[in-house]
């Protein structure tokens, strides 16, 4: 059954799963349901990366450099260098 994980003989719902059916148009276009766009903060004109993994298609939002700025704040960036690199 779509949208459900199987654990042994019992069927359990997947957490935070949003399942909708969409059709591929004659121009190979797919409309993402508004509820999903709102939930993920997707905006018209935003770029998505399309990846084929096995028999499924994944759409990954491309984030701007500005939006991910500072996400590694506090990370230790010290790198041990060999004596030939000093």
PDB file of N, CA and C in Angstrom:
ATOM      1  N   UNK A   1       0.851  -1.187   0.000  1.00  0.00           N
ATOM      2  CA  UNK A   1       0.000   0.000   0.000  1.00  0.00           C
ATOM      3  C   UNK A   1       0.887   1.237   0.000  1.00  0.00           C
ATOM      4  N   UNK A   2       0.630   2.204  -0.852  1.00  0.00           N
ATOM      5  CA  UNK A   2       1.441   3.411  -0.957  1.00  0.00           C
ATOM      6  C   UNK A   2       1.375   4.217   0.332  1.00  0.00           C
ATOM      7  N   UNK A   3       2.548   4.731   0.745  1.00  0.00           N
ATOM      8  CA  UNK A   3       2.592   5.602   1.908  1.00  0.00           C
ATOM      9  C   UNK A   3       2.612   4.881   3.232  1.00  0.00           C
ATOM     10  N   UNK A   4       2.815   3.573   3.218  1.00  0.00           N
ATOM     11  CA  UNK A   4       2.838   2.836   4.468  1.00  0.00           C
ATOM     12  C   UNK A   4       4.071   1.959   4.517  1.00  0.00           C
ATOM     13  N   UNK A   5       4.640   1.835   5.699  1.00  0.00           N
ATOM     14  CA  UNK A   5       5.781   0.959   5.896  1.00  0.00           C
ATOM     15  C   UNK A   5       5.298  -0.356   6.453  1.00  0.00           C
ATOM     16  N   UNK A   6       5.922  -1.425   6.084  1.00  0.00           N
ATOM     17  CA  UNK A   6       5.506  -2.743   6.554  1.00  0.00           C
ATOM     18  C   UNK A   6       6.518  -3.237   7.576  1.00  0.00           C
ATOM     19  N   UNK A   7       6.033  -3.531   8.772  1.00  0.00           N
ATOM     20  CA  UNK A   7       6.868  -4.072   9.842  1.00  0.00           C
ATOM     21  C   UNK A   7       6.292  -5.432  10.213  1.00  0.00           C
ATOM     22  N   UNK A   8       6.940  -6.503   9.757  1.00  0.00           N
ATOM     23  CA  UNK A   8       6.387  -7.832   9.998  1.00  0.00           C
ATOM     24  C   UNK A   8       5.093  -7.981   9.233  1.00  0.00           C
ATOM     25  N   UNK A   9       4.031  -8.404   9.935  1.00  0.00           N
ATOM     26  CA  UNK A   9       2.733  -8.569   9.289  1.00  0.00           C
ATOM     27  C   UNK A   9       1.841  -7.345   9.427  1.00  0.00           C
ATOM     28  N   UNK A  10       2.224  -6.405  10.284  1.00  0.00           N
ATOM     29  CA  UNK A  10       1.366  -5.237  10.474  1.00  0.00           C
ATOM     30  C   UNK A  10       1.810  -4.082   9.589  1.00  0.00           C
ATOM     31  N   UNK A  11       0.871  -3.261   9.185  1.00  0.00           N
ATOM     32  CA  UNK A  11       1.158  -2.109   8.344  1.00  0.00           C
ATOM     33  C   UNK A  11       1.112  -0.865   9.220  1.00  0.00           C
ATOM     34  N   UNK A  12       2.200  -0.073   9.182  1.00  0.00           N
ATOM     35  CA  UNK A  12       2.280   1.132  10.006  1.00  0.00           C
ATOM     36  C   UNK A  12       2.454   2.344   9.108  1.00  0.00           C
ATOM     37  N   UNK A  13       1.787   3.472   9.418  1.00  0.00           N
ATOM     38  CA  UNK A  13       1.939   4.666   8.592  1.00  0.00           C
ATOM     39  C   UNK A  13       3.344   5.251   8.728  1.00  0.00           C
ATOM     40  N   UNK A  14       3.841   5.806   7.633  1.00  0.00           N
ATOM     41  CA  UNK A  14       5.129   6.476   7.662  1.00  0.00           C
ATOM     42  C   UNK A  14       4.959   7.847   8.304  1.00  0.00           C
ATOM     43  N   UNK A  15       5.917   8.304   9.109  1.00  0.00           N
ATOM     44  CA  UNK A  15       5.801   9.615   9.736  1.00  0.00           C
ATOM     45  C   UNK A  15       5.919  10.740   8.706  1.00  0.00           C
ATOM     46  N   UNK A  16       5.114  11.749   8.878  1.00  0.00           N
ATOM     47  CA  UNK A  16       5.143  12.947   8.045  1.00  0.00           C
ATOM     48  C   UNK A  16       5.012  12.653   6.552  1.00  0.00           C
ATOM     49  N   UNK A  17       4.364  11.575   6.188  1.00  0.00           N
ATOM     50  CA  UNK A  17       4.183  11.262   4.769  1.00  0.00           C
ATOM     51  C   UNK A  17       3.027  12.078   4.217  1.00  0.00           C
ATOM     52  N   UNK A  18       3.237  12.666   3.066  1.00  0.00           N
ATOM     53  CA  UNK A  18       2.175  13.381   2.369  1.00  0.00           C
ATOM     54  C   UNK A  18       2.019  12.707   1.016  1.00  0.00           C
ATOM     55  N   UNK A  19       0.892  12.056   0.812  1.00  0.00           N
ATOM     56  CA  UNK A  19       0.695  11.285  -0.402  1.00  0.00           C
ATOM     57  C   UNK A  19      -0.381  11.938  -1.260  1.00  0.00           C
ATOM     58  N   UNK A  20      -0.027  12.233  -2.487  1.00  0.00           N
ATOM     59  CA  UNK A  20      -0.944  12.794  -3.465  1.00  0.00           C
ATOM     60  C   UNK A  20      -0.648  12.133  -4.799  1.00  0.00           C
ATOM     61  N   UNK A  21      -1.670  12.019  -5.631  1.00  0.00           N
ATOM     62  CA  UNK A  21      -1.468  11.508  -6.978  1.00  0.00           C
ATOM     63  C   UNK A  21      -1.458  12.681  -7.945  1.00  0.00           C
ATOM     64  N   UNK A  22      -0.512  12.679  -8.867  1.00  0.00           N
ATOM     65  CA  UNK A  22      -0.434  13.705  -9.900  1.00  0.00           C
ATOM     66  C   UNK A  22      -0.256  12.998 -11.239  1.00  0.00           C
ATOM     67  N   UNK A  23      -0.598  13.687 -12.302  1.00  0.00           N
ATOM     68  CA  UNK A  23      -0.431  13.135 -13.650  1.00  0.00           C
ATOM     69  C   UNK A  23       0.686  13.859 -14.376  1.00  0.00           C
ATOM     70  N   UNK A  24       1.349  13.146 -15.250  1.00  0.00           N
ATOM     71  CA  UNK A  24       2.358  13.740 -16.117  1.00  0.00           C
ATOM     72  C   UNK A  24       1.620  14.231 -17.359  1.00  0.00           C
ATOM     73  N   UNK A  25       1.795  15.503 -17.694  1.00  0.00           N
ATOM     74  CA  UNK A  25       1.102  16.075 -18.856  1.00  0.00           C
ATOM     75  C   UNK A  25       1.757  15.588 -20.149  1.00  0.00           C
ATOM     76  N   UNK A  26       1.146  15.937 -21.267  1.00  0.00           N
ATOM     77  CA  UNK A  26       1.690  15.577 -22.580  1.00  0.00           C
ATOM     78  C   UNK A  26       3.069  16.204 -22.800  1.00  0.00           C
ATOM     79  N   UNK A  27       3.357  17.285 -22.070  1.00  0.00           N
ATOM     80  CA  UNK A  27       4.665  17.943 -22.151  1.00  0.00           C
ATOM     81  C   UNK A  27       5.614  17.455 -21.052  1.00  0.00           C
ATOM     82  N   UNK A  28       5.259  16.349 -20.391  1.00  0.00           N
ATOM     83  CA  UNK A  28       6.047  15.767 -19.298  1.00  0.00           C
ATOM     84  C   UNK A  28       6.170  16.708 -18.110  1.00  0.00           C
ATOM     85  N   UNK A  29       5.144  17.510 -17.858  1.00  0.00           N
ATOM     86  CA  UNK A  29       5.116  18.412 -16.716  1.00  0.00           C
ATOM     87  C   UNK A  29       4.311  17.788 -15.588  1.00  0.00           C
ATOM     88  N   UNK A  30       4.727  18.095 -14.361  1.00  0.00           N
ATOM     89  CA  UNK A  30       4.036  17.611 -13.171  1.00  0.00           C
ATOM     90  C   UNK A  30       3.753  18.814 -12.278  1.00  0.00           C
ATOM     91  N   UNK A  31       2.520  18.937 -11.805  1.00  0.00           N
ATOM     92  CA  UNK A  31       2.166  20.010 -10.872  1.00  0.00           C
ATOM     93  C   UNK A  31       2.278  19.468  -9.451  1.00  0.00           C
ATOM     94  N   UNK A  32       3.038  20.163  -8.621  1.00  0.00           N
ATOM     95  CA  UNK A  32       3.179  19.771  -7.219  1.00  0.00           C
ATOM     96  C   UNK A  32       1.982  20.352  -6.467  1.00  0.00           C
ATOM     97  N   UNK A  33       1.247  19.538  -5.716  1.00  0.00           N
ATOM     98  CA  UNK A  33       0.075  20.041  -5.000  1.00  0.00           C
ATOM     99  C   UNK A  33       0.423  21.214  -4.071  1.00  0.00           C
ATOM    100  N   UNK A  34      -0.486  22.174  -4.025  1.00  0.00           N
ATOM    101  CA  UNK A  34      -0.287  23.376  -3.207  1.00  0.00           C
ATOM    102  C   UNK A  34       0.020  23.031  -1.747  1.00  0.00           C
ATOM    103  N   UNK A  35      -0.671  22.036  -1.204  1.00  0.00           N
ATOM    104  CA  UNK A  35      -0.458  21.680   0.207  1.00  0.00           C
ATOM    105  C   UNK A  35       0.990  21.254   0.456  1.00  0.00           C
ATOM    106  N   UNK A  36       1.587  20.565  -0.499  1.00  0.00           N
ATOM    107  CA  UNK A  36       2.985  20.142  -0.354  1.00  0.00           C
ATOM    108  C   UNK A  36       3.906  21.345  -0.489  1.00  0.00           C
ATOM    109  N   UNK A  37       3.616  22.219  -1.466  1.00  0.00           N
ATOM    110  CA  UNK A  37       4.440  23.423  -1.639  1.00  0.00           C
ATOM    111  C   UNK A  37       4.426  24.285  -0.387  1.00  0.00           C
ATOM    112  N   UNK A  38       3.237  24.457   0.192  1.00  0.00           N
ATOM    113  CA  UNK A  38       3.130  25.264   1.409  1.00  0.00           C
ATOM    114  C   UNK A  38       3.871  24.610   2.563  1.00  0.00           C
ATOM    115  N   UNK A  39       3.730  23.312   2.702  1.00  0.00           N
ATOM    116  CA  UNK A  39       4.388  22.579   3.784  1.00  0.00           C
ATOM    117  C   UNK A  39       5.910  22.678   3.688  1.00  0.00           C
ATOM    118  N   UNK A  40       6.438  22.646   2.451  1.00  0.00           N
ATOM    119  CA  UNK A  40       7.887  22.670   2.253  1.00  0.00           C
ATOM    120  C   UNK A  40       8.436  24.056   1.953  1.00  0.00           C
ATOM    121  N   UNK A  41       7.543  25.042   1.853  1.00  0.00           N
ATOM    122  CA  UNK A  41       7.990  26.411   1.578  1.00  0.00           C
ATOM    123  C   UNK A  41       8.474  26.613   0.155  1.00  0.00           C
ATOM    124  N   UNK A  42       7.932  25.835  -0.783  1.00  0.00           N
ATOM    125  CA  UNK A  42       8.318  25.977  -2.183  1.00  0.00           C
ATOM    126  C   UNK A  42       7.577  27.144  -2.806  1.00  0.00           C
ATOM    127  N   UNK A  43       8.261  27.894  -3.664  1.00  0.00           N
ATOM    128  CA  UNK A  43       7.687  29.075  -4.307  1.00  0.00           C
ATOM    129  C   UNK A  43       7.679  28.901  -5.824  1.00  0.00           C
ATOM    130  N   UNK A  44       6.727  29.534  -6.526  1.00  0.00           N
ATOM    131  CA  UNK A  44       6.725  29.481  -7.988  1.00  0.00           C
ATOM    132  C   UNK A  44       8.050  30.003  -8.544  1.00  0.00           C
ATOM    133  N   UNK A  45       8.584  29.312  -9.534  1.00  0.00           N
ATOM    134  CA  UNK A  45       9.838  29.727 -10.145  1.00  0.00           C
ATOM    135  C   UNK A  45      11.077  29.173  -9.455  1.00  0.00           C
ATOM    136  N   UNK A  46      10.896  28.559  -8.301  1.00  0.00           N
ATOM    137  CA  UNK A  46      12.032  27.987  -7.565  1.00  0.00           C
ATOM    138  C   UNK A  46      12.602  26.807  -8.352  1.00  0.00           C
ATOM    139  N   UNK A  47      13.903  26.627  -8.298  1.00  0.00           N
ATOM    140  CA  UNK A  47      14.564  25.539  -9.010  1.00  0.00           C
ATOM    141  C   UNK A  47      14.581  24.280  -8.158  1.00  0.00           C
ATOM    142  N   UNK A  48      14.258  23.159  -8.801  1.00  0.00           N
ATOM    143  CA  UNK A  48      14.309  21.856  -8.146  1.00  0.00           C
ATOM    144  C   UNK A  48      15.287  20.972  -8.905  1.00  0.00           C
ATOM    145  N   UNK A  49      16.014  20.174  -8.172  1.00  0.00           N
ATOM    146  CA  UNK A  49      16.901  19.184  -8.776  1.00  0.00           C
ATOM    147  C   UNK A  49      16.084  17.912  -8.954  1.00  0.00           C
ATOM    148  N   UNK A  50      16.114  17.309 -10.141  1.00  0.00           N
ATOM    149  CA  UNK A  50      15.355  16.095 -10.422  1.00  0.00           C
ATOM    150  C   UNK A  50      16.328  14.929 -10.468  1.00  0.00           C
ATOM    151  N   UNK A  51      16.071  13.931  -9.624  1.00  0.00           N
ATOM    152  CA  UNK A  51      16.965  12.785  -9.520  1.00  0.00           C
ATOM    153  C   UNK A  51      16.159  11.507  -9.714  1.00  0.00           C
ATOM    154  N   UNK A  52      16.648  10.626 -10.587  1.00  0.00           N
ATOM    155  CA  UNK A  52      16.037   9.316 -10.778  1.00  0.00           C
ATOM    156  C   UNK A  52      16.830   8.317  -9.945  1.00  0.00           C
ATOM    157  N   UNK A  53      16.153   7.695  -8.996  1.00  0.00           N
ATOM    158  CA  UNK A  53      16.785   6.697  -8.129  1.00  0.00           C
ATOM    159  C   UNK A  53      16.001   5.403  -8.290  1.00  0.00           C
ATOM    160  N   UNK A  54      16.629   4.432  -8.934  1.00  0.00           N
ATOM    161  CA  UNK A  54      15.921   3.179  -9.195  1.00  0.00           C
ATOM    162  C   UNK A  54      14.695   3.452 -10.031  1.00  0.00           C
ATOM    163  N   UNK A  55      13.520   3.100  -9.494  1.00  0.00           N
ATOM    164  CA  UNK A  55      12.274   3.304 -10.237  1.00  0.00           C
ATOM    165  C   UNK A  55      11.452   4.470  -9.702  1.00  0.00           C
ATOM    166  N   UNK A  56      12.092   5.399  -8.983  1.00  0.00           N
ATOM    167  CA  UNK A  56      11.354   6.554  -8.472  1.00  0.00           C
ATOM    168  C   UNK A  56      12.057   7.856  -8.847  1.00  0.00           C
ATOM    169  N   UNK A  57      11.313   8.948  -8.771  1.00  0.00           N
ATOM    170  CA  UNK A  57      11.823  10.278  -9.081  1.00  0.00           C
ATOM    171  C   UNK A  57      11.763  11.106  -7.821  1.00  0.00           C
ATOM    172  N   UNK A  58      12.861  11.805  -7.507  1.00  0.00           N
ATOM    173  CA  UNK A  58      12.888  12.702  -6.343  1.00  0.00           C
ATOM    174  C   UNK A  58      13.127  14.120  -6.823  1.00  0.00           C
ATOM    175  N   UNK A  59      12.412  15.057  -6.225  1.00  0.00           N
ATOM    176  CA  UNK A  59      12.583  16.483  -6.496  1.00  0.00           C
ATOM    177  C   UNK A  59      13.204  17.113  -5.261  1.00  0.00           C
ATOM    178  N   UNK A  60      14.377  17.697  -5.418  1.00  0.00           N
ATOM    179  CA  UNK A  60      15.104  18.285  -4.291  1.00  0.00           C
ATOM    180  C   UNK A  60      15.187  19.796  -4.496  1.00  0.00           C
ATOM    181  N   UNK A  61      14.654  20.594  -3.559  1.00  0.00           N
ATOM    182  CA  UNK A  61      14.752  22.043  -3.707  1.00  0.00           C
ATOM    183  C   UNK A  61      16.220  22.490  -3.685  1.00  0.00           C
ATOM    184  N   UNK A  62      16.582  23.346  -4.635  1.00  0.00           N
ATOM    185  CA  UNK A  62      17.921  23.916  -4.670  1.00  0.00           C
ATOM    186  C   UNK A  62      17.880  25.158  -3.790  1.00  0.00           C
ATOM    187  N   UNK A  63      18.683  25.149  -2.759  1.00  0.00           N
ATOM    188  CA  UNK A  63      18.712  26.280  -1.826  1.00  0.00           C
ATOM    189  C   UNK A  63      19.786  27.263  -2.251  1.00  0.00           C
ATOM    190  N   UNK A  64      19.514  28.537  -2.095  1.00  0.00           N
ATOM    191  CA  UNK A  64      20.500  29.554  -2.438  1.00  0.00           C
ATOM    192  C   UNK A  64      21.632  29.528  -1.421  1.00  0.00           C
ATOM    193  N   UNK A  65      22.778  30.007  -1.842  1.00  0.00           N
ATOM    194  CA  UNK A  65      23.924  30.077  -0.942  1.00  0.00           C
ATOM    195  C   UNK A  65      23.574  30.915   0.281  1.00  0.00           C
ATOM    196  N   UNK A  66      22.828  31.972   0.068  1.00  0.00           N
ATOM    197  CA  UNK A  66      22.440  32.854   1.176  1.00  0.00           C
ATOM    198  C   UNK A  66      21.596  32.118   2.215  1.00  0.00           C
ATOM    199  N   UNK A  67      20.697  31.230   1.770  1.00  0.00           N
ATOM    200  CA  UNK A  67      19.808  30.554   2.708  1.00  0.00           C
ATOM    201  C   UNK A  67      20.531  29.523   3.575  1.00  0.00           C
ATOM    202  N   UNK A  68      21.661  29.001   3.103  1.00  0.00           N
ATOM    203  CA  UNK A  68      22.394  28.009   3.897  1.00  0.00           C
ATOM    204  C   UNK A  68      23.590  28.630   4.609  1.00  0.00           C
ATOM    205  N   UNK A  69      23.747  29.926   4.475  1.00  0.00           N
ATOM    206  CA  UNK A  69      24.854  30.621   5.121  1.00  0.00           C
ATOM    207  C   UNK A  69      24.790  30.447   6.633  1.00  0.00           C
ATOM    208  N   UNK A  70      25.906  30.033   7.211  1.00  0.00           N
ATOM    209  CA  UNK A  70      25.999  29.891   8.651  1.00  0.00           C
ATOM    210  C   UNK A  70      25.559  28.547   9.195  1.00  0.00           C
ATOM    211  N   UNK A  71      25.172  27.590   8.329  1.00  0.00           N
ATOM    212  CA  UNK A  71      24.660  26.327   8.849  1.00  0.00           C
ATOM    213  C   UNK A  71      25.756  25.485   9.503  1.00  0.00           C
ATOM    214  N   UNK A  72      27.019  25.796   9.256  1.00  0.00           N
ATOM    215  CA  UNK A  72      28.113  25.066   9.913  1.00  0.00           C
ATOM    216  C   UNK A  72      28.805  25.931  10.961  1.00  0.00           C
ATOM    217  N   UNK A  73      28.134  26.976  11.382  1.00  0.00           N
ATOM    218  CA  UNK A  73      28.698  27.875  12.387  1.00  0.00           C
ATOM    219  C   UNK A  73      29.113  27.076  13.618  1.00  0.00           C
ATOM    220  N   UNK A  74      30.323  27.339  14.101  1.00  0.00           N
ATOM    221  CA  UNK A  74      30.813  26.668  15.294  1.00  0.00           C
ATOM    222  C   UNK A  74      31.597  25.405  15.010  1.00  0.00           C
ATOM    223  N   UNK A  75      31.639  24.981  13.760  1.00  0.00           N
ATOM    224  CA  UNK A  75      32.385  23.771  13.437  1.00  0.00           C
ATOM    225  C   UNK A  75      33.888  24.060  13.517  1.00  0.00           C
ATOM    226  N   UNK A  76      34.633  23.090  13.991  1.00  0.00           N
ATOM    227  CA  UNK A  76      36.086  23.243  14.082  1.00  0.00           C
ATOM    228  C   UNK A  76      36.662  23.074  12.687  1.00  0.00           C
ATOM    229  N   UNK A  77      37.177  24.155  12.115  1.00  0.00           N
ATOM    230  CA  UNK A  77      37.705  24.112  10.757  1.00  0.00           C
ATOM    231  C   UNK A  77      39.222  23.944  10.728  1.00  0.00           C
ATOM    232  N   UNK A  78      39.802  23.718  11.900  1.00  0.00           N
ATOM    233  CA  UNK A  78      41.252  23.516  11.956  1.00  0.00           C
ATOM    234  C   UNK A  78      41.608  22.180  11.309  1.00  0.00           C
ATOM    235  N   UNK A  79      42.545  22.219  10.404  1.00  0.00           N
ATOM    236  CA  UNK A  79      42.980  21.018   9.701  1.00  0.00           C
ATOM    237  C   UNK A  79      44.454  20.821   9.955  1.00  0.00           C
ATOM    238  N   UNK A  80      44.802  19.629  10.420  1.00  0.00           N
ATOM    239  CA  UNK A  80      46.213  19.309  10.623  1.00  0.00           C
ATOM    240  C   UNK A  80      46.885  19.257   9.261  1.00  0.00           C
ATOM    241  N   UNK A  81      47.963  20.002   9.106  1.00  0.00           N
ATOM    242  CA  UNK A  81      48.684  20.040   7.837  1.00  0.00           C
ATOM    243  C   UNK A  81      50.012  19.333   7.991  1.00  0.00           C
ATOM    244  N   UNK A  82      50.428  18.705   6.927  1.00  0.00           N
ATOM    245  CA  UNK A  82      51.731  18.061   6.932  1.00  0.00           C
ATOM    246  C   UNK A  82      52.819  19.128   6.944  1.00  0.00           C
ATOM    247  N   UNK A  83      53.999  18.765   7.340  1.00  0.00           N
ATOM    248  CA  UNK A  83      55.105  19.751   7.422  1.00  0.00           C
ATOM    249  C   UNK A  83      55.434  20.328   6.062  1.00  0.00           C
ATOM    250  N   UNK A  84      55.146  19.622   4.986  1.00  0.00           N
ATOM    251  CA  UNK A  84      55.409  20.138   3.654  1.00  0.00           C
ATOM    252  C   UNK A  84      54.380  21.188   3.227  1.00  0.00           C
ATOM    253  N   UNK A  85      53.331  21.374   3.990  1.00  0.00           N
ATOM    254  CA  UNK A  85      52.261  22.325   3.656  1.00  0.00           C
ATOM    255  C   UNK A  85      52.323  23.614   4.460  1.00  0.00           C
ATOM    256  N   UNK A  86      53.271  23.723   5.360  1.00  0.00           N
ATOM    257  CA  UNK A  86      53.318  24.921   6.206  1.00  0.00           C
ATOM    258  C   UNK A  86      54.064  26.061   5.586  1.00  0.00           C
TER     259      UNK A  86
END
